[in-house]
Amino acid sequence: AWPGHPALELVEAWVADTLPAGATAPRVAARGGLPGVEIPRFAEEVNADLLVIGKGDPTAVGDLADTVLRRSRKPCLVLPCQWAKLSPILVALDGSERGFQVHQAACELAERTLVTVGCVAVEQLDREGQDAGQAPQDAV
């Protein structure tokens, strides 16, 4: 961070204006460099549990959120810039241990934010529309 830097002062003022009454002000920092590199780096330096980033135009190529997602070793929550409400949370499960860990974290987040959690698992279909891992109906 660069104390006294105009960019940092601008961000600090914006954050202060958007905080609800009585809320604790977060740590605000400004850095130089490439945002897609520096944001994940800063998340690691402060040992963040979750990195929340806004996503702009869904058709944009080379979007900052995409770059951060590829580089971050920390869990990321991507919200559209027009985001208004978090409910429900949907977790995609693939049957892996990592997927179940994500589900557990989503349930903890949901409990703290008082929202519901849904899950989806998608089975790949073969050319005839059958589950790839199962025998066709007439073969049973």
Protein backbone atom coordinates (compact mmCIF):
# COMPACT_ATOMS: atom_id res chain seq x y z
CA ALA A 1 0.00 0.00 0.00
CA TRP A 2 1.08 3.57 -0.64
CA PRO A 3 -0.21 5.73 2.22
CA GLY A 4 -1.27 9.13 0.94
CA HIS A 5 -1.48 7.95 -2.67
CA PRO A 6 -4.54 9.47 -4.42
CA ALA A 7 -5.72 6.09 -5.74
CA LEU A 8 -5.64 4.58 -2.26
CA GLU A 9 -7.45 7.58 -0.76
CA LEU A 10 -10.14 7.30 -3.47
CA VAL A 11 -10.71 3.60 -2.74
CA GLU A 12 -10.73 4.19 1.03
CA ALA A 13 -13.38 6.92 0.61
CA TRP A 14 -15.49 4.70 -1.68
CA VAL A 15 -15.32 1.78 0.77
CA ALA A 16 -16.20 4.05 3.73
CA ASP A 17 -19.23 5.43 1.83
CA THR A 18 -20.57 1.93 1.08
CA LEU A 19 -20.20 0.44 4.57
CA PRO A 20 -23.35 0.01 6.65
CA ALA A 21 -23.50 1.98 9.89
CA GLY A 22 -21.35 0.44 12.62
CA ALA A 23 -19.47 -1.91 10.27
CA THR A 24 -15.75 -2.37 10.73
CA ALA A 25 -13.74 -0.85 7.89
CA PRO A 26 -11.76 -3.44 5.94
CA ARG A 27 -8.06 -3.19 5.19
CA VAL A 28 -7.66 -1.32 1.92
CA ALA A 29 -4.49 -1.55 -0.15
CA ALA A 30 -3.23 -0.26 -3.48
CA ARG A 31 -0.52 -1.96 -5.50
CA GLY A 32 1.23 -1.48 -8.78
CA GLY A 33 1.42 -4.15 -11.44
CA LEU A 34 -0.93 -6.42 -13.35
CA PRO A 35 -4.27 -6.81 -11.52
CA GLY A 36 -4.64 -10.48 -12.49
CA VAL A 37 -1.29 -11.22 -10.85
CA GLU A 38 -1.35 -8.82 -7.90
CA ILE A 39 -4.85 -9.63 -6.63
CA PRO A 40 -4.14 -13.36 -6.04
CA ARG A 41 -0.68 -12.49 -4.70
CA PHE A 42 -2.18 -10.06 -2.16
CA ALA A 43 -4.81 -12.66 -1.14
CA GLU A 44 -1.98 -15.05 -0.29
CA GLU A 45 0.03 -12.39 1.55
CA VAL A 46 -2.89 -11.58 3.86
CA ASN A 47 -3.89 -15.28 4.07
CA ALA A 48 -7.42 -14.57 2.84
CA ASP A 49 -9.96 -17.36 3.30
CA LEU A 50 -12.02 -16.22 0.31
CA LEU A 51 -11.34 -13.90 -2.60
CA VAL A 52 -14.48 -12.15 -3.90
CA ILE A 53 -14.24 -10.59 -7.34
CA GLY A 54 -16.75 -8.95 -9.63
CA LYS A 55 -17.34 -10.12 -13.17
CA GLY A 56 -18.37 -7.62 -15.79
CA ASP A 57 -19.61 -8.42 -19.27
CA PRO A 58 -20.11 -12.21 -19.51
CA THR A 59 -19.00 -12.16 -23.16
CA ALA A 60 -15.72 -10.34 -22.44
CA VAL A 61 -12.59 -12.24 -23.44
CA GLY A 62 -9.61 -11.94 -21.12
CA ASP A 63 -11.80 -10.76 -18.26
CA LEU A 64 -9.98 -9.89 -15.00
CA ALA A 65 -12.10 -12.37 -13.03
CA ASP A 66 -11.02 -15.18 -15.36
CA THR A 67 -7.37 -14.26 -14.93
CA VAL A 68 -7.70 -14.14 -11.14
CA LEU A 69 -9.50 -17.52 -11.10
CA ARG A 70 -6.70 -19.14 -13.11
CA ARG A 71 -3.94 -17.71 -10.92
CA SER A 72 -5.44 -17.84 -7.44
CA ARG A 73 -4.61 -20.61 -5.00
CA LYS A 74 -7.30 -19.25 -2.69
CA PRO A 75 -11.01 -20.05 -3.03
CA CYS A 76 -12.78 -17.48 -5.22
CA LEU A 77 -16.36 -16.26 -5.32
CA VAL A 78 -17.21 -14.49 -8.56
CA LEU A 79 -20.22 -12.19 -8.49
CA PRO A 80 -21.74 -10.28 -11.38
CA CYS A 81 -21.27 -6.54 -11.01
CA GLN A 82 -25.06 -6.14 -10.89
CA TRP A 83 -25.27 -8.61 -7.98
CA ALA A 84 -27.95 -7.82 -5.44
CA LYS A 85 -28.65 -10.95 -3.38
CA LEU A 86 -26.90 -14.22 -2.55
CA SER A 87 -29.54 -16.95 -2.64
CA PRO A 88 -29.46 -19.83 -3.29
CA ILE A 89 -25.90 -21.13 -3.59
CA LEU A 90 -25.48 -23.88 -6.20
CA VAL A 91 -22.63 -26.37 -5.84
CA ALA A 92 -21.52 -28.50 -8.79
CA LEU A 93 -20.47 -31.95 -7.57
CA ASP A 94 -18.29 -34.27 -9.60
CA GLY A 95 -17.96 -37.08 -7.03
CA SER A 96 -14.41 -36.12 -6.09
CA GLU A 97 -13.14 -35.45 -2.58
CA ARG A 98 -12.36 -31.89 -3.65
CA GLY A 99 -15.97 -31.44 -4.78
CA PHE A 100 -17.27 -32.55 -1.40
CA GLN A 101 -14.88 -30.13 0.32
CA VAL A 102 -16.32 -27.33 -1.84
CA HIS A 103 -19.82 -28.46 -0.85
CA GLN A 104 -18.90 -28.34 2.83
CA ALA A 105 -17.45 -24.83 2.46
CA ALA A 106 -20.57 -23.70 0.57
CA CYS A 107 -22.77 -25.06 3.36
CA GLU A 108 -20.75 -23.14 5.95
CA LEU A 109 -21.03 -19.95 3.88
CA ALA A 110 -24.75 -20.52 3.44
CA GLU A 111 -25.25 -21.04 7.16
CA ARG A 112 -23.46 -17.79 7.97
CA THR A 113 -25.33 -15.81 5.32
CA LEU A 114 -28.71 -17.50 5.95
CA VAL A 115 -29.21 -18.79 2.41
CA THR A 116 -30.00 -22.22 1.00
CA VAL A 117 -27.66 -24.59 -0.84
CA GLY A 118 -28.50 -26.68 -3.88
CA CYS A 119 -26.33 -29.26 -5.62
CA VAL A 120 -26.08 -30.48 -9.18
CA ALA A 121 -24.18 -33.42 -10.62
CA VAL A 122 -24.24 -34.03 -14.37
CA GLU A 123 -23.74 -37.46 -15.89
CA GLN A 124 -22.23 -37.52 -19.36
CA LEU A 125 -24.55 -39.08 -21.95
CA ASP A 126 -23.52 -41.23 -24.87
CA ARG A 127 -24.72 -40.57 -28.43
CA GLU A 128 -28.05 -42.34 -27.81
CA GLY A 129 -28.79 -40.23 -24.75
CA GLN A 130 -27.98 -42.99 -22.24
CA ASP A 131 -25.81 -42.50 -19.16
CA ALA A 132 -22.28 -43.19 -20.33
CA GLY A 133 -21.58 -45.37 -17.29
CA GLN A 134 -24.75 -47.50 -17.51
CA ALA A 135 -26.12 -50.17 -19.82
CA PRO A 136 -28.96 -49.24 -22.22
CA GLN A 137 -32.49 -49.97 -20.95
CA ASP A 138 -33.16 -52.84 -23.42
CA ALA A 139 -29.92 -54.57 -22.38
CA VAL A 140 -31.09 -54.93 -18.75
